Amino acid sequence: MVTYTVEKINLSLQIVPIIEDEGKMYGAVDKVIEMIAKSGYKYEVGPMETTIEGDIDGLLQIVKDAQKICVEEGAVRVVSVIKIDYKKDGIGMDEKTKKYRG
């Protein structure tokens, strides 16, 4: 078993709740983003996914909670795409994007 000692990774989450009423889909996504905001982790919402910075256990718990929120909001199915950027000494969002920001 691998032991993760790094406290700073990046996880990007794209979540698509399958809800018959398409308008309610966006409400479910809004609730997921609200949950992420309340988590205390650094995050950035993009047009296709939300990137979060933190420890792997906490971020994977956010993914689980996001699934649950979508089901509670009426999703009969939830499709999630997750990307994890792991680096031995840790990695932050800023170090990857600072040269592109003013």
PDB file of N, CA and C in Angstrom:
ATOM      1  N   MET A   1       0.838  -1.175   0.000  1.00  0.00           N
ATOM      2  CA  MET A   1       0.000   0.000   0.000  1.00  0.00           C
ATOM      3  C   MET A   1       0.886   1.241   0.000  1.00  0.00           C
ATOM      4  N   VAL A   2       0.517   2.236  -0.788  1.00  0.00           N
ATOM      5  CA  VAL A   2       1.256   3.492  -0.880  1.00  0.00           C
ATOM      6  C   VAL A   2       0.809   4.404   0.261  1.00  0.00           C
ATOM      7  N   THR A   3       1.757   5.050   0.900  1.00  0.00           N
ATOM      8  CA  THR A   3       1.438   6.028   1.930  1.00  0.00           C
ATOM      9  C   THR A   3       1.658   7.414   1.354  1.00  0.00           C
ATOM     10  N   TYR A   4       0.628   8.234   1.397  1.00  0.00           N
ATOM     11  CA  TYR A   4       0.717   9.602   0.895  1.00  0.00           C
ATOM     12  C   TYR A   4       1.090  10.517   2.048  1.00  0.00           C
ATOM     13  N   THR A   5       2.198  11.210   1.907  1.00  0.00           N
ATOM     14  CA  THR A   5       2.617  12.136   2.951  1.00  0.00           C
ATOM     15  C   THR A   5       2.478  13.579   2.498  1.00  0.00           C
ATOM     16  N   VAL A   6       2.185  13.795   1.246  1.00  0.00           N
ATOM     17  CA  VAL A   6       2.049  15.146   0.713  1.00  0.00           C
ATOM     18  C   VAL A   6       0.693  15.715   1.123  1.00  0.00           C
ATOM     19  N   GLU A   7       0.694  16.925   1.598  1.00  0.00           N
ATOM     20  CA  GLU A   7      -0.542  17.569   2.031  1.00  0.00           C
ATOM     21  C   GLU A   7      -1.133  18.490   0.978  1.00  0.00           C
ATOM     22  N   LYS A   8      -0.427  18.672  -0.134  1.00  0.00           N
ATOM     23  CA  LYS A   8      -0.938  19.599  -1.140  1.00  0.00           C
ATOM     24  C   LYS A   8      -0.887  18.961  -2.526  1.00  0.00           C
ATOM     25  N   ILE A   9      -2.048  18.539  -2.979  1.00  0.00           N
ATOM     26  CA  ILE A   9      -2.205  18.042  -4.338  1.00  0.00           C
ATOM     27  C   ILE A   9      -3.292  18.877  -4.997  1.00  0.00           C
ATOM     28  N   ASN A  10      -3.491  18.673  -6.282  1.00  0.00           N
ATOM     29  CA  ASN A  10      -4.596  19.295  -7.004  1.00  0.00           C
ATOM     30  C   ASN A  10      -5.530  18.203  -7.470  1.00  0.00           C
ATOM     31  N   LEU A  11      -6.820  18.429  -7.294  1.00  0.00           N
ATOM     32  CA  LEU A  11      -7.837  17.512  -7.799  1.00  0.00           C
ATOM     33  C   LEU A  11      -8.838  18.343  -8.580  1.00  0.00           C
ATOM     34  N   SER A  12      -9.082  17.952  -9.816  1.00  0.00           N
ATOM     35  CA  SER A  12     -10.102  18.609 -10.628  1.00  0.00           C
ATOM     36  C   SER A  12     -11.296  17.681 -10.726  1.00  0.00           C
ATOM     37  N   LEU A  13     -12.479  18.247 -10.504  1.00  0.00           N
ATOM     38  CA  LEU A  13     -13.716  17.476 -10.509  1.00  0.00           C
ATOM     39  C   LEU A  13     -14.704  18.068 -11.496  1.00  0.00           C
ATOM     40  N   GLN A  14     -15.110  17.246 -12.433  1.00  0.00           N
ATOM     41  CA  GLN A  14     -16.218  17.592 -13.318  1.00  0.00           C
ATOM     42  C   GLN A  14     -17.340  16.641 -12.944  1.00  0.00           C
ATOM     43  N   ILE A  15     -18.474  17.195 -12.550  1.00  0.00           N
ATOM     44  CA  ILE A  15     -19.571  16.356 -12.104  1.00  0.00           C
ATOM     45  C   ILE A  15     -20.804  16.665 -12.944  1.00  0.00           C
ATOM     46  N   VAL A  16     -21.441  15.601 -13.442  1.00  0.00           N
ATOM     47  CA  VAL A  16     -22.620  15.752 -14.295  1.00  0.00           C
ATOM     48  C   VAL A  16     -23.751  14.919 -13.697  1.00  0.00           C
ATOM     49  N   PRO A  17     -24.661  15.580 -12.972  1.00  0.00           N
ATOM     50  CA  PRO A  17     -25.801  14.844 -12.431  1.00  0.00           C
ATOM     51  C   PRO A  17     -26.844  14.632 -13.527  1.00  0.00           C
ATOM     52  N   ILE A  18     -27.292  13.408 -13.677  1.00  0.00           N
ATOM     53  CA  ILE A  18     -28.317  13.101 -14.678  1.00  0.00           C
ATOM     54  C   ILE A  18     -29.675  13.278 -13.993  1.00  0.00           C
ATOM     55  N   ILE A  19     -30.325  14.408 -14.328  1.00  0.00           N
ATOM     56  CA  ILE A  19     -31.620  14.764 -13.756  1.00  0.00           C
ATOM     57  C   ILE A  19     -32.554  15.053 -14.917  1.00  0.00           C
ATOM     58  N   GLU A  20     -33.752  14.499 -14.860  1.00  0.00           N
ATOM     59  CA  GLU A  20     -34.699  14.650 -15.969  1.00  0.00           C
ATOM     60  C   GLU A  20     -34.952  16.115 -16.306  1.00  0.00           C
ATOM     61  N   ASP A  21     -35.174  16.931 -15.314  1.00  0.00           N
ATOM     62  CA  ASP A  21     -35.378  18.362 -15.521  1.00  0.00           C
ATOM     63  C   ASP A  21     -34.009  19.025 -15.592  1.00  0.00           C
ATOM     64  N   GLU A  22     -33.568  19.388 -16.801  1.00  0.00           N
ATOM     65  CA  GLU A  22     -32.223  19.915 -17.003  1.00  0.00           C
ATOM     66  C   GLU A  22     -31.940  21.150 -16.151  1.00  0.00           C
ATOM     67  N   GLY A  23     -32.951  21.953 -15.881  1.00  0.00           N
ATOM     68  CA  GLY A  23     -32.782  23.134 -15.054  1.00  0.00           C
ATOM     69  C   GLY A  23     -32.337  22.792 -13.643  1.00  0.00           C
ATOM     70  N   LYS A  24     -32.773  21.648 -13.138  1.00  0.00           N
ATOM     71  CA  LYS A  24     -32.389  21.227 -11.792  1.00  0.00           C
ATOM     72  C   LYS A  24     -30.944  20.729 -11.751  1.00  0.00           C
ATOM     73  N   MET A  25     -30.412  20.345 -12.913  1.00  0.00           N
ATOM     74  CA  MET A  25     -29.029  19.889 -12.981  1.00  0.00           C
ATOM     75  C   MET A  25     -28.091  20.995 -12.499  1.00  0.00           C
ATOM     76  N   TYR A  26     -28.332  22.213 -12.968  1.00  0.00           N
ATOM     77  CA  TYR A  26     -27.457  23.325 -12.586  1.00  0.00           C
ATOM     78  C   TYR A  26     -27.588  23.656 -11.105  1.00  0.00           C
ATOM     79  N   GLY A  27     -28.780  23.479 -10.547  1.00  0.00           N
ATOM     80  CA  GLY A  27     -28.967  23.691  -9.117  1.00  0.00           C
ATOM     81  C   GLY A  27     -28.157  22.703  -8.298  1.00  0.00           C
ATOM     82  N   ALA A  28     -28.098  21.462  -8.763  1.00  0.00           N
ATOM     83  CA  ALA A  28     -27.302  20.439  -8.070  1.00  0.00           C
ATOM     84  C   ALA A  28     -25.819  20.784  -8.131  1.00  0.00           C
ATOM     85  N   VAL A  29     -25.357  21.224  -9.288  1.00  0.00           N
ATOM     86  CA  VAL A  29     -23.951  21.607  -9.436  1.00  0.00           C
ATOM     87  C   VAL A  29     -23.644  22.806  -8.535  1.00  0.00           C
ATOM     88  N   ASP A  30     -24.572  23.758  -8.460  1.00  0.00           N
ATOM     89  CA  ASP A  30     -24.381  24.907  -7.567  1.00  0.00           C
ATOM     90  C   ASP A  30     -24.229  24.456  -6.115  1.00  0.00           C
ATOM     91  N   LYS A  31     -25.008  23.467  -5.693  1.00  0.00           N
ATOM     92  CA  LYS A  31     -24.909  22.973  -4.317  1.00  0.00           C
ATOM     93  C   LYS A  31     -23.574  22.281  -4.074  1.00  0.00           C
ATOM     94  N   VAL A  32     -23.066  21.586  -5.078  1.00  0.00           N
ATOM     95  CA  VAL A  32     -21.746  20.959  -4.952  1.00  0.00           C
ATOM     96  C   VAL A  32     -20.673  22.038  -4.791  1.00  0.00           C
ATOM     97  N   ILE A  33     -20.745  23.084  -5.605  1.00  0.00           N
ATOM     98  CA  ILE A  33     -19.756  24.163  -5.507  1.00  0.00           C
ATOM     99  C   ILE A  33     -19.866  24.866  -4.155  1.00  0.00           C
ATOM    100  N   GLU A  34     -21.073  25.035  -3.660  1.00  0.00           N
ATOM    101  CA  GLU A  34     -21.270  25.631  -2.334  1.00  0.00           C
ATOM    102  C   GLU A  34     -20.608  24.772  -1.253  1.00  0.00           C
ATOM    103  N   MET A  35     -20.753  23.459  -1.363  1.00  0.00           N
ATOM    104  CA  MET A  35     -20.124  22.542  -0.411  1.00  0.00           C
ATOM    105  C   MET A  35     -18.600  22.671  -0.476  1.00  0.00           C
ATOM    106  N   ILE A  36     -18.061  22.760  -1.688  1.00  0.00           N
ATOM    107  CA  ILE A  36     -16.612  22.917  -1.854  1.00  0.00           C
ATOM    108  C   ILE A  36     -16.155  24.231  -1.217  1.00  0.00           C
ATOM    109  N   ALA A  37     -16.911  25.292  -1.436  1.00  0.00           N
ATOM    110  CA  ALA A  37     -16.561  26.601  -0.869  1.00  0.00           C
ATOM    111  C   ALA A  37     -16.531  26.547   0.657  1.00  0.00           C
ATOM    112  N   LYS A  38     -17.452  25.832   1.248  1.00  0.00           N
ATOM    113  CA  LYS A  38     -17.528  25.729   2.707  1.00  0.00           C
ATOM    114  C   LYS A  38     -16.462  24.790   3.285  1.00  0.00           C
ATOM    115  N   SER A  39     -15.805  24.009   2.434  1.00  0.00           N
ATOM    116  CA  SER A  39     -14.828  23.024   2.908  1.00  0.00           C
ATOM    117  C   SER A  39     -13.568  23.662   3.491  1.00  0.00           C
ATOM    118  N   GLY A  40     -13.291  24.881   3.095  1.00  0.00           N
ATOM    119  CA  GLY A  40     -12.074  25.544   3.558  1.00  0.00           C
ATOM    120  C   GLY A  40     -10.874  25.321   2.655  1.00  0.00           C
ATOM    121  N   TYR A  41     -11.017  24.450   1.666  1.00  0.00           N
ATOM    122  CA  TYR A  41      -9.928  24.220   0.728  1.00  0.00           C
ATOM    123  C   TYR A  41      -9.881  25.338  -0.312  1.00  0.00           C
ATOM    124  N   LYS A  42      -8.686  25.611  -0.814  1.00  0.00           N
ATOM    125  CA  LYS A  42      -8.539  26.548  -1.920  1.00  0.00           C
ATOM    126  C   LYS A  42      -9.128  25.886  -3.158  1.00  0.00           C
ATOM    127  N   TYR A  43      -9.912  26.651  -3.925  1.00  0.00           N
ATOM    128  CA  TYR A  43     -10.542  26.072  -5.120  1.00  0.00           C
ATOM    129  C   TYR A  43     -10.725  27.138  -6.185  1.00  0.00           C
ATOM    130  N   GLU A  44     -10.920  26.685  -7.402  1.00  0.00           N
ATOM    131  CA  GLU A  44     -11.186  27.575  -8.524  1.00  0.00           C
ATOM    132  C   GLU A  44     -12.206  26.920  -9.439  1.00  0.00           C
ATOM    133  N   VAL A  45     -13.301  27.614  -9.676  1.00  0.00           N
ATOM    134  CA  VAL A  45     -14.354  27.110 -10.557  1.00  0.00           C
ATOM    135  C   VAL A  45     -14.014  27.499 -11.983  1.00  0.00           C
ATOM    136  N   GLY A  46     -14.038  26.529 -12.877  1.00  0.00           N
ATOM    137  CA  GLY A  46     -13.831  26.771 -14.293  1.00  0.00           C
ATOM    138  C   GLY A  46     -15.105  26.446 -15.059  1.00  0.00           C
ATOM    139  N   PRO A  47     -15.120  26.676 -16.355  1.00  0.00           N
ATOM    140  CA  PRO A  47     -16.328  26.428 -17.131  1.00  0.00           C
ATOM    141  C   PRO A  47     -16.678  24.943 -17.283  1.00  0.00           C
ATOM    142  N   MET A  48     -15.698  24.060 -17.084  1.00  0.00           N
ATOM    143  CA  MET A  48     -15.938  22.631 -17.275  1.00  0.00           C
ATOM    144  C   MET A  48     -15.676  21.800 -16.030  1.00  0.00           C
ATOM    145  N   GLU A  49     -14.954  22.358 -15.051  1.00  0.00           N
ATOM    146  CA  GLU A  49     -14.590  21.601 -13.862  1.00  0.00           C
ATOM    147  C   GLU A  49     -14.150  22.563 -12.769  1.00  0.00           C
ATOM    148  N   THR A  50     -14.074  22.049 -11.567  1.00  0.00           N
ATOM    149  CA  THR A  50     -13.584  22.818 -10.423  1.00  0.00           C
ATOM    150  C   THR A  50     -12.305  22.157  -9.933  1.00  0.00           C
ATOM    151  N   THR A  51     -11.263  22.965  -9.735  1.00  0.00           N
ATOM    152  CA  THR A  51      -9.988  22.459  -9.241  1.00  0.00           C
ATOM    153  C   THR A  51      -9.853  22.852  -7.774  1.00  0.00           C
ATOM    154  N   ILE A  52      -9.426  21.883  -6.966  1.00  0.00           N
ATOM    155  CA  ILE A  52      -9.309  22.069  -5.525  1.00  0.00           C
ATOM    156  C   ILE A  52      -7.900  21.669  -5.104  1.00  0.00           C
ATOM    157  N   GLU A  53      -7.356  22.398  -4.133  1.00  0.00           N
ATOM    158  CA  GLU A  53      -6.007  22.128  -3.629  1.00  0.00           C
ATOM    159  C   GLU A  53      -6.103  21.670  -2.175  1.00  0.00           C
ATOM    160  N   GLY A  54      -5.440  20.557  -1.845  1.00  0.00           N
ATOM    161  CA  GLY A  54      -5.462  20.086  -0.465  1.00  0.00           C
ATOM    162  C   GLY A  54      -4.885  18.696  -0.327  1.00  0.00           C
ATOM    163  N   ASP A  55      -5.256  18.029   0.772  1.00  0.00           N
ATOM    164  CA  ASP A  55      -4.773  16.673   1.021  1.00  0.00           C
ATOM    165  C   ASP A  55      -5.677  15.664   0.307  1.00  0.00           C
ATOM    166  N   ILE A  56      -5.104  14.559  -0.099  1.00  0.00           N
ATOM    167  CA  ILE A  56      -5.833  13.602  -0.934  1.00  0.00           C
ATOM    168  C   ILE A  56      -7.059  13.013  -0.237  1.00  0.00           C
ATOM    169  N   ASP A  57      -6.953  12.698   1.048  1.00  0.00           N
ATOM    170  CA  ASP A  57      -8.106  12.109   1.743  1.00  0.00           C
ATOM    171  C   ASP A  57      -9.270  13.084   1.802  1.00  0.00           C
ATOM    172  N   GLY A  58      -8.987  14.326   2.135  1.00  0.00           N
ATOM    173  CA  GLY A  58     -10.043  15.332   2.199  1.00  0.00           C
ATOM    174  C   GLY A  58     -10.671  15.598   0.849  1.00  0.00           C
ATOM    175  N   LEU A  59      -9.849  15.641  -0.188  1.00  0.00           N
ATOM    176  CA  LEU A  59     -10.381  15.913  -1.522  1.00  0.00           C
ATOM    177  C   LEU A  59     -11.204  14.748  -2.051  1.00  0.00           C
ATOM    178  N   LEU A  60     -10.791  13.526  -1.755  1.00  0.00           N
ATOM    179  CA  LEU A  60     -11.598  12.378  -2.182  1.00  0.00           C
ATOM    180  C   LEU A  60     -12.921  12.329  -1.413  1.00  0.00           C
ATOM    181  N   GLN A  61     -12.930  12.813  -0.171  1.00  0.00           N
ATOM    182  CA  GLN A  61     -14.181  12.907   0.575  1.00  0.00           C
ATOM    183  C   GLN A  61     -15.115  13.923  -0.083  1.00  0.00           C
ATOM    184  N   ILE A  62     -14.558  14.997  -0.597  1.00  0.00           N
ATOM    185  CA  ILE A  62     -15.371  15.977  -1.321  1.00  0.00           C
ATOM    186  C   ILE A  62     -16.029  15.333  -2.529  1.00  0.00           C
ATOM    187  N   VAL A  63     -15.293  14.490  -3.248  1.00  0.00           N
ATOM    188  CA  VAL A  63     -15.863  13.790  -4.406  1.00  0.00           C
ATOM    189  C   VAL A  63     -17.049  12.933  -3.962  1.00  0.00           C
ATOM    190  N   LYS A  64     -16.886  12.187  -2.877  1.00  0.00           N
ATOM    191  CA  LYS A  64     -17.977  11.354  -2.362  1.00  0.00           C
ATOM    192  C   LYS A  64     -19.171  12.212  -1.972  1.00  0.00           C
ATOM    193  N   ASP A  65     -18.907  13.311  -1.278  1.00  0.00           N
ATOM    194  CA  ASP A  65     -19.987  14.200  -0.853  1.00  0.00           C
ATOM    195  C   ASP A  65     -20.703  14.818  -2.051  1.00  0.00           C
ATOM    196  N   ALA A  66     -19.952  15.129  -3.097  1.00  0.00           N
ATOM    197  CA  ALA A  66     -20.549  15.691  -4.308  1.00  0.00           C
ATOM    198  C   ALA A  66     -21.531  14.702  -4.940  1.00  0.00           C
ATOM    199  N   GLN A  67     -21.135  13.428  -4.979  1.00  0.00           N
ATOM    200  CA  GLN A  67     -22.028  12.390  -5.516  1.00  0.00           C
ATOM    201  C   GLN A  67     -23.331  12.352  -4.715  1.00  0.00           C
ATOM    202  N   LYS A  68     -23.191  12.365  -3.410  1.00  0.00           N
ATOM    203  CA  LYS A  68     -24.352  12.284  -2.521  1.00  0.00           C
ATOM    204  C   LYS A  68     -25.279  13.487  -2.705  1.00  0.00           C
ATOM    205  N   ILE A  69     -24.700  14.675  -2.795  1.00  0.00           N
ATOM    206  CA  ILE A  69     -25.507  15.879  -3.003  1.00  0.00           C
ATOM    207  C   ILE A  69     -26.325  15.762  -4.278  1.00  0.00           C
ATOM    208  N   CYS A  70     -25.702  15.312  -5.347  1.00  0.00           N
ATOM    209  CA  CYS A  70     -26.417  15.195  -6.629  1.00  0.00           C
ATOM    210  C   CYS A  70     -27.592  14.230  -6.532  1.00  0.00           C
ATOM    211  N   VAL A  71     -27.392  13.112  -5.858  1.00  0.00           N
ATOM    212  CA  VAL A  71     -28.482  12.140  -5.681  1.00  0.00           C
ATOM    213  C   VAL A  71     -29.594  12.759  -4.835  1.00  0.00           C
ATOM    214  N   GLU A  72     -29.222  13.459  -3.778  1.00  0.00           N
ATOM    215  CA  GLU A  72     -30.208  14.128  -2.931  1.00  0.00           C
ATOM    216  C   GLU A  72     -30.993  15.178  -3.704  1.00  0.00           C
ATOM    217  N   GLU A  73     -30.393  15.739  -4.742  1.00  0.00           N
ATOM    218  CA  GLU A  73     -31.051  16.751  -5.565  1.00  0.00           C
ATOM    219  C   GLU A  73     -31.848  16.147  -6.723  1.00  0.00           C
ATOM    220  N   GLY A  74     -31.940  14.820  -6.763  1.00  0.00           N
ATOM    221  CA  GLY A  74     -32.791  14.176  -7.752  1.00  0.00           C
ATOM    222  C   GLY A  74     -32.090  13.464  -8.890  1.00  0.00           C
ATOM    223  N   ALA A  75     -30.777  13.391  -8.856  1.00  0.00           N
ATOM    224  CA  ALA A  75     -30.062  12.694  -9.930  1.00  0.00           C
ATOM    225  C   ALA A  75     -30.307  11.187  -9.826  1.00  0.00           C
ATOM    226  N   VAL A  76     -30.594  10.585 -10.955  1.00  0.00           N
ATOM    227  CA  VAL A  76     -30.746   9.128 -11.005  1.00  0.00           C
ATOM    228  C   VAL A  76     -29.408   8.467 -11.314  1.00  0.00           C
ATOM    229  N   ARG A  77     -28.479   9.304 -11.739  1.00  0.00           N
ATOM    230  CA  ARG A  77     -27.141   8.841 -12.081  1.00  0.00           C
ATOM    231  C   ARG A  77     -26.210  10.044 -12.003  1.00  0.00           C
ATOM    232  N   VAL A  78     -24.954   9.814 -11.635  1.00  0.00           N
ATOM    233  CA  VAL A  78     -23.984  10.911 -11.545  1.00  0.00           C
ATOM    234  C   VAL A  78     -22.702  10.467 -12.245  1.00  0.00           C
ATOM    235  N   VAL A  79     -22.299  11.238 -13.235  1.00  0.00           N
ATOM    236  CA  VAL A  79     -21.052  10.958 -13.945  1.00  0.00           C
ATOM    237  C   VAL A  79     -20.011  11.959 -13.456  1.00  0.00           C
ATOM    238  N   SER A  80     -18.876  11.452 -13.003  1.00  0.00           N
ATOM    239  CA  SER A  80     -17.807  12.321 -12.513  1.00  0.00           C
ATOM    240  C   SER A  80     -16.507  12.007 -13.234  1.00  0.00           C
ATOM    241  N   VAL A  81     -15.780  13.062 -13.561  1.00  0.00           N
ATOM    242  CA  VAL A  81     -14.449  12.930 -14.132  1.00  0.00           C
ATOM    243  C   VAL A  81     -13.503  13.593 -13.146  1.00  0.00           C
ATOM    244  N   ILE A  82     -12.491  12.838 -12.708  1.00  0.00           N
ATOM    245  CA  ILE A  82     -11.576  13.328 -11.692  1.00  0.00           C
ATOM    246  C   ILE A  82     -10.151  13.261 -12.235  1.00  0.00           C
ATOM    247  N   LYS A  83      -9.412  14.354 -12.043  1.00  0.00           N
ATOM    248  CA  LYS A  83      -7.991  14.384 -12.383  1.00  0.00           C
ATOM    249  C   LYS A  83      -7.234  14.750 -11.123  1.00  0.00           C
ATOM    250  N   ILE A  84      -6.155  14.043 -10.855  1.00  0.00           N
ATOM    251  CA  ILE A  84      -5.338  14.321  -9.682  1.00  0.00           C
ATOM    252  C   ILE A  84      -3.906  14.590 -10.138  1.00  0.00           C
ATOM    253  N   ASP A  85      -3.365  15.707  -9.659  1.00  0.00           N
ATOM    254  CA  ASP A  85      -1.970  16.048  -9.924  1.00  0.00           C
ATOM    255  C   ASP A  85      -1.221  15.871  -8.610  1.00  0.00           C
ATOM    256  N   TYR A  86      -0.370  14.867  -8.557  1.00  0.00           N
ATOM    257  CA  TYR A  86       0.398  14.522  -7.362  1.00  0.00           C
ATOM    258  C   TYR A  86       1.875  14.726  -7.649  1.00  0.00           C
ATOM    259  N   LYS A  87       2.562  15.354  -6.739  1.00  0.00           N
ATOM    260  CA  LYS A  87       4.005  15.557  -6.849  1.00  0.00           C
ATOM    261  C   LYS A  87       4.604  15.260  -5.480  1.00  0.00           C
ATOM    262  N   LYS A  88       5.714  14.571  -5.441  1.00  0.00           N
ATOM    263  CA  LYS A  88       6.326  14.116  -4.189  1.00  0.00           C
ATOM    264  C   LYS A  88       6.400  15.217  -3.130  1.00  0.00           C
ATOM    265  N   ASP A  89       6.791  16.408  -3.522  1.00  0.00           N
ATOM    266  CA  ASP A  89       6.947  17.510  -2.570  1.00  0.00           C
ATOM    267  C   ASP A  89       5.721  18.418  -2.498  1.00  0.00           C
ATOM    268  N   GLY A  90       4.642  18.014  -3.134  1.00  0.00           N
ATOM    269  CA  GLY A  90       3.424  18.823  -3.130  1.00  0.00           C
ATOM    270  C   GLY A  90       3.379  19.753  -4.328  1.00  0.00           C
ATOM    271  N   ILE A  91       2.161  20.137  -4.688  1.00  0.00           N
ATOM    272  CA  ILE A  91       1.982  21.047  -5.816  1.00  0.00           C
ATOM    273  C   ILE A  91       0.763  21.919  -5.570  1.00  0.00           C
ATOM    274  N   GLY A  92       0.908  23.188  -5.903  1.00  0.00           N
ATOM    275  CA  GLY A  92      -0.194  24.126  -5.725  1.00  0.00           C
ATOM    276  C   GLY A  92      -0.692  24.639  -7.062  1.00  0.00           C
ATOM    277  N   MET A  93      -1.897  25.149  -7.057  1.00  0.00           N
ATOM    278  CA  MET A  93      -2.482  25.678  -8.286  1.00  0.00           C
ATOM    279  C   MET A  93      -1.709  26.895  -8.778  1.00  0.00           C
ATOM    280  N   ASP A  94      -1.292  27.747  -7.854  1.00  0.00           N
ATOM    281  CA  ASP A  94      -0.624  28.992  -8.247  1.00  0.00           C
ATOM    282  C   ASP A  94       0.659  28.759  -9.017  1.00  0.00           C
ATOM    283  N   GLU A  95       1.440  27.779  -8.597  1.00  0.00           N
ATOM    284  CA  GLU A  95       2.724  27.560  -9.278  1.00  0.00           C
ATOM    285  C   GLU A  95       2.525  27.087 -10.724  1.00  0.00           C
ATOM    286  N   LYS A  96       1.355  26.549 -11.027  1.00  0.00           N
ATOM    287  CA  LYS A  96       1.103  26.096 -12.396  1.00  0.00           C
ATOM    288  C   LYS A  96       0.505  27.193 -13.266  1.00  0.00           C
ATOM    289  N   THR A  97      -0.094  28.210 -12.665  1.00  0.00           N
ATOM    290  CA  THR A  97      -0.806  29.207 -13.462  1.00  0.00           C
ATOM    291  C   THR A  97      -0.279  30.634 -13.330  1.00  0.00           C
ATOM    292  N   LYS A  98       0.626  30.887 -12.395  1.00  0.00           N
ATOM    293  CA  LYS A  98       1.038  32.269 -12.122  1.00  0.00           C
ATOM    294  C   LYS A  98       1.604  32.987 -13.332  1.00  0.00           C
ATOM    295  N   LYS A  99       2.288  32.307 -14.221  1.00  0.00           N
ATOM    296  CA  LYS A  99       2.870  33.003 -15.380  1.00  0.00           C
ATOM    297  C   LYS A  99       1.807  33.441 -16.382  1.00  0.00           C
ATOM    298  N   TYR A 100       0.584  32.936 -16.246  1.00  0.00           N
ATOM    299  CA  TYR A 100      -0.494  33.303 -17.161  1.00  0.00           C
ATOM    300  C   TYR A 100      -1.404  34.375 -16.589  1.00  0.00           C
ATOM    301  N   ARG A 101      -1.166  34.756 -15.372  1.00  0.00           N
ATOM    302  CA  ARG A 101      -2.046  35.734 -14.710  1.00  0.00           C
ATOM    303  C   ARG A 101      -1.289  37.029 -14.474  1.00  0.00           C
ATOM    304  N   GLY A 102      -1.996  38.139 -14.596  1.00  0.00           N
ATOM    305  CA  GLY A 102      -1.392  39.462 -14.480  1.00  0.00           C
ATOM    306  C   GLY A 102      -1.059  39.893 -13.158  1.00  0.00           C
TER     307      GLY A 102
END
